[in-house]
């Protein structure tokens, strides 16, 4: 995949194919979880929401295989009790897909199945969700063809203000503070407009955000 193709892609499948064997398991699983959160209104049982939290923690190495498998197992008990082809059942199955053993397969399965769940719930089949997923993937991976370069000077500026802010935003999920982080980066000497613009973009940010990962040295 070329850089223009990556930047203009309106569906995630071609992007994921280009990432196979290249993107980290952490990035791919956090992308899968982010896609699942977009269909969270379809969840009717707390077990479906819980497996997403565990999968996200698993991506960051905070829980192990057994904890992930237990969460998926509890959610599967709910899935078994639901009628087939209902939005709630398909959405719950999507949540379990995010907890699958292969991070790339989790991402691949989630994108198509989450769109199917939305369509079962009455969403139009107009490509809108696929476009949103493509944007999410760019949010997590940035531009793999032109990766940003971290300047150590940003991290030590003003007693480590930028690094402290990045840690707080990530740990407390206070992603609405990213524009403030962008301002701090600019004051610290960052002139990378792509990086600064990303911090100031409207809309939801999430764990796996390429700017936060760059600052926190997360792969």
Protein backbone atom coordinates (compact mmCIF):
# COMPACT_ATOMS: atom_id res chain seq x y z
CA UNK A 1 0.00 0.00 0.00
CA UNK A 2 1.33 3.44 -0.92
CA UNK A 3 1.24 6.49 1.33
CA UNK A 4 -1.57 8.20 -0.65
CA UNK A 5 -3.59 4.97 -0.53
CA UNK A 6 -3.13 4.73 3.24
CA UNK A 7 -4.14 8.34 3.81
CA UNK A 8 -7.21 8.13 1.58
CA UNK A 9 -8.46 4.60 2.39
CA UNK A 10 -12.17 4.50 3.22
CA UNK A 11 -12.25 0.95 4.58
CA UNK A 12 -9.88 -0.80 7.00
CA UNK A 13 -9.49 -4.19 5.29
CA UNK A 14 -6.91 -3.11 2.71
CA UNK A 15 -5.05 -1.21 5.43
CA UNK A 16 -4.98 -4.24 7.72
CA UNK A 17 -3.66 -6.43 4.92
CA UNK A 18 -0.79 -4.01 4.43
CA UNK A 19 -0.03 -4.16 8.17
CA UNK A 20 0.13 -7.94 8.50
CA UNK A 21 3.44 -8.84 10.10
CA UNK A 22 4.28 -5.16 10.62
CA UNK A 23 1.97 -3.66 13.24
CA UNK A 24 2.40 -4.67 16.89
CA UNK A 25 -0.11 -6.97 18.58
CA UNK A 26 -0.81 -4.20 21.06
CA UNK A 27 -1.76 -1.70 18.38
CA UNK A 28 -3.94 -4.18 16.53
CA UNK A 29 -5.82 -5.27 19.65
CA UNK A 30 -6.40 -1.71 20.82
CA UNK A 31 -7.78 -0.93 17.38
CA UNK A 32 -10.11 -3.93 17.65
CA UNK A 33 -11.31 -2.78 21.07
CA UNK A 34 -11.87 0.75 19.74
CA UNK A 35 -14.04 -0.61 16.93
CA UNK A 36 -16.03 -2.62 19.46
CA UNK A 37 -16.64 0.44 21.61
CA UNK A 38 -18.36 2.06 18.63
CA UNK A 39 -21.12 -0.58 18.88
CA UNK A 40 -21.35 -0.47 22.68
CA UNK A 41 -24.98 0.77 22.56
CA UNK A 42 -25.90 -2.67 21.21
CA UNK A 43 -24.55 -4.47 24.28
CA UNK A 44 -27.32 -5.62 26.58
CA UNK A 45 -25.18 -7.42 29.15
CA UNK A 46 -22.35 -6.16 31.32
CA UNK A 47 -20.25 -9.22 30.40
CA UNK A 48 -19.92 -7.90 26.87
CA UNK A 49 -18.60 -4.57 28.13
CA UNK A 50 -16.33 -6.29 30.64
CA UNK A 51 -14.50 -8.33 28.02
CA UNK A 52 -13.52 -5.12 26.22
CA UNK A 53 -11.95 -3.70 29.37
CA UNK A 54 -10.01 -6.92 29.89
CA UNK A 55 -8.90 -7.06 26.24
CA UNK A 56 -7.64 -3.49 26.49
CA UNK A 57 -5.70 -4.29 29.67
CA UNK A 58 -4.38 -7.44 28.02
CA UNK A 59 -3.03 -5.37 25.12
CA UNK A 60 -1.05 -3.29 27.61
CA UNK A 61 0.25 -6.36 29.44
CA UNK A 62 -1.74 -5.66 32.60
CA UNK A 63 -3.52 -9.03 32.65
CA UNK A 64 -2.60 -12.47 31.33
CA UNK A 65 -4.05 -15.12 29.06
CA UNK A 66 -6.15 -16.76 31.78
CA UNK A 67 -7.86 -13.53 32.78
CA UNK A 68 -8.65 -12.77 29.14
CA UNK A 69 -10.01 -16.28 28.57
CA UNK A 70 -12.20 -16.09 31.70
CA UNK A 71 -13.73 -12.81 30.59
CA UNK A 72 -14.44 -14.20 27.13
CA UNK A 73 -15.89 -17.36 28.68
CA UNK A 74 -18.31 -15.39 30.84
CA UNK A 75 -19.42 -13.38 27.84
CA UNK A 76 -19.85 -16.57 25.84
CA UNK A 77 -22.35 -17.79 28.44
CA UNK A 78 -24.45 -14.75 27.59
CA UNK A 79 -23.99 -15.31 23.84
CA UNK A 80 -25.23 -18.90 24.11
CA UNK A 81 -28.43 -17.76 25.77
CA UNK A 82 -29.32 -15.18 23.11
CA UNK A 83 -31.34 -15.87 19.95
CA UNK A 84 -29.19 -16.10 16.83
CA UNK A 85 -28.82 -13.15 14.44
CA UNK A 86 -29.91 -10.54 16.94
CA UNK A 87 -27.88 -7.31 17.28
CA UNK A 88 -27.14 -8.05 20.94
CA UNK A 89 -25.79 -11.53 20.22
CA UNK A 90 -23.68 -10.44 17.25
CA UNK A 91 -22.35 -7.44 19.18
CA UNK A 92 -21.41 -9.68 22.11
CA UNK A 93 -19.64 -12.04 19.72
CA UNK A 94 -17.72 -9.05 18.33
CA UNK A 95 -16.57 -8.23 21.85
CA UNK A 96 -15.28 -11.79 22.20
CA UNK A 97 -13.53 -11.49 18.83
CA UNK A 98 -11.49 -8.62 20.26
CA UNK A 99 -10.20 -11.08 22.87
CA UNK A 100 -9.13 -13.73 20.36
CA UNK A 101 -5.65 -15.26 20.55
CA UNK A 102 -4.38 -13.55 17.40
CA UNK A 103 -4.38 -9.75 17.55
CA UNK A 104 -4.38 -9.39 13.76
CA UNK A 105 -7.30 -11.82 13.43
CA UNK A 106 -9.10 -9.95 16.20
CA UNK A 107 -8.80 -6.70 14.26
CA UNK A 108 -9.79 -8.36 10.98
CA UNK A 109 -12.86 -10.09 12.41
CA UNK A 110 -14.07 -7.15 14.46
CA UNK A 111 -14.28 -4.68 11.57
CA UNK A 112 -16.65 -6.79 9.48
CA UNK A 113 -18.71 -8.25 12.32
CA UNK A 114 -19.26 -4.93 14.04
CA UNK A 115 -20.63 -3.53 10.79
CA UNK A 116 -22.93 -6.56 10.54
CA UNK A 117 -24.19 -5.94 14.07
CA UNK A 118 -25.00 -2.34 13.21
CA UNK A 119 -26.84 -3.37 10.06
CA UNK A 120 -28.91 -5.87 12.03
CA UNK A 121 -29.81 -2.99 14.32
CA UNK A 122 -31.03 -0.97 11.33
CA UNK A 123 -27.98 1.06 10.31
CA UNK A 124 -27.71 1.99 6.66
CA UNK A 125 -25.22 0.06 4.55
CA UNK A 126 -23.59 3.22 3.20
CA UNK A 127 -19.93 2.68 4.09
CA UNK A 128 -20.03 5.16 6.94
CA UNK A 129 -18.84 2.69 9.57
CA UNK A 130 -16.05 1.39 7.33
CA UNK A 131 -14.83 4.97 6.88
CA UNK A 132 -14.91 5.53 10.64
CA UNK A 133 -12.91 2.33 11.17
CA UNK A 134 -10.31 3.47 8.64
CA UNK A 135 -9.96 6.73 10.55
CA UNK A 136 -9.55 4.78 13.78
CA UNK A 137 -6.76 2.74 12.25
CA UNK A 138 -4.97 5.91 11.18
CA UNK A 139 -5.54 7.25 14.71
CA UNK A 140 -3.72 4.22 16.12
CA UNK A 141 -1.01 3.73 13.49
CA UNK A 142 -0.49 7.27 12.25
CA UNK A 143 1.30 7.16 8.92
CA UNK A 144 3.47 4.00 8.81
CA UNK A 145 5.09 5.24 5.60
CA UNK A 146 6.25 8.43 7.29
CA UNK A 147 6.65 7.72 11.01
CA UNK A 148 7.03 10.67 13.36
CA UNK A 149 10.37 11.18 15.08
CA UNK A 150 10.50 11.80 18.82
CA UNK A 151 12.80 14.54 20.06
CA UNK A 152 14.14 13.84 23.58
CA UNK A 153 14.10 17.58 24.17
CA UNK A 154 10.30 17.56 24.23
CA UNK A 155 10.29 15.12 27.13
CA UNK A 156 12.66 17.08 29.37
CA UNK A 157 11.22 20.52 28.63
CA UNK A 158 9.96 22.39 31.69
CA UNK A 159 10.79 19.61 34.12
CA UNK A 160 9.20 16.87 32.01
CA UNK A 161 5.81 18.57 31.64
CA UNK A 162 4.99 16.93 28.31
CA UNK A 163 5.83 13.43 29.53
CA UNK A 164 3.86 13.89 32.74
CA UNK A 165 0.84 15.12 30.80
CA UNK A 166 1.04 12.19 28.38
CA UNK A 167 1.15 9.71 31.26
CA UNK A 168 -1.84 11.34 32.95
CA UNK A 169 -3.91 11.43 29.77
CA UNK A 170 -3.16 7.80 29.04
CA UNK A 171 -3.66 6.42 32.54
CA UNK A 172 -6.76 8.49 33.36
CA UNK A 173 -8.21 8.34 29.83
CA UNK A 174 -8.49 12.11 29.89
CA UNK A 175 -8.20 12.32 26.12
CA UNK A 176 -10.03 15.64 26.05
CA UNK A 177 -6.75 17.12 27.34
CA UNK A 178 -4.89 16.27 24.13
CA UNK A 179 -5.24 19.82 22.73
CA UNK A 180 -3.49 21.09 25.87
CA UNK A 181 -0.78 18.51 25.32
CA UNK A 182 -0.44 19.82 21.76
CA UNK A 183 0.08 23.34 23.09
CA UNK A 184 2.74 22.07 25.51
CA UNK A 185 4.50 20.22 22.69
CA UNK A 186 4.58 23.39 20.61
CA UNK A 187 6.09 25.31 23.55
CA UNK A 188 8.63 22.51 23.97
CA UNK A 189 9.82 23.12 20.42
CA UNK A 190 7.80 20.61 18.39
CA UNK A 191 7.19 21.89 14.86
CA UNK A 192 5.75 18.67 13.40
CA UNK A 193 2.40 19.95 12.14
CA UNK A 194 1.02 16.42 11.63
CA UNK A 195 1.68 15.60 15.27
CA UNK A 196 0.34 18.91 16.59
CA UNK A 197 -2.74 18.78 14.37
CA UNK A 198 -3.53 15.28 15.60
CA UNK A 199 -3.51 16.50 19.21
CA UNK A 200 -5.96 19.25 18.28
CA UNK A 201 -8.31 17.14 16.17
CA UNK A 202 -11.91 17.11 17.36
CA UNK A 203 -13.62 13.85 18.15
CA UNK A 204 -12.81 10.90 20.33
CA UNK A 205 -9.25 9.85 21.04
CA UNK A 206 -8.34 6.52 22.59
CA UNK A 207 -5.68 4.26 24.00
CA UNK A 208 -3.32 3.43 21.18
CA UNK A 209 -3.30 7.04 19.88
CA UNK A 210 -0.08 7.26 17.90
CA UNK A 211 0.98 10.58 19.44
CA UNK A 212 0.64 9.36 23.02
CA UNK A 213 2.37 6.11 22.11
CA UNK A 214 5.25 8.05 20.54
CA UNK A 215 5.71 10.15 23.68
CA UNK A 216 5.36 7.19 26.02
CA UNK A 217 7.56 4.91 23.87
CA UNK A 218 4.77 2.37 23.46
CA UNK A 219 4.81 0.13 20.39
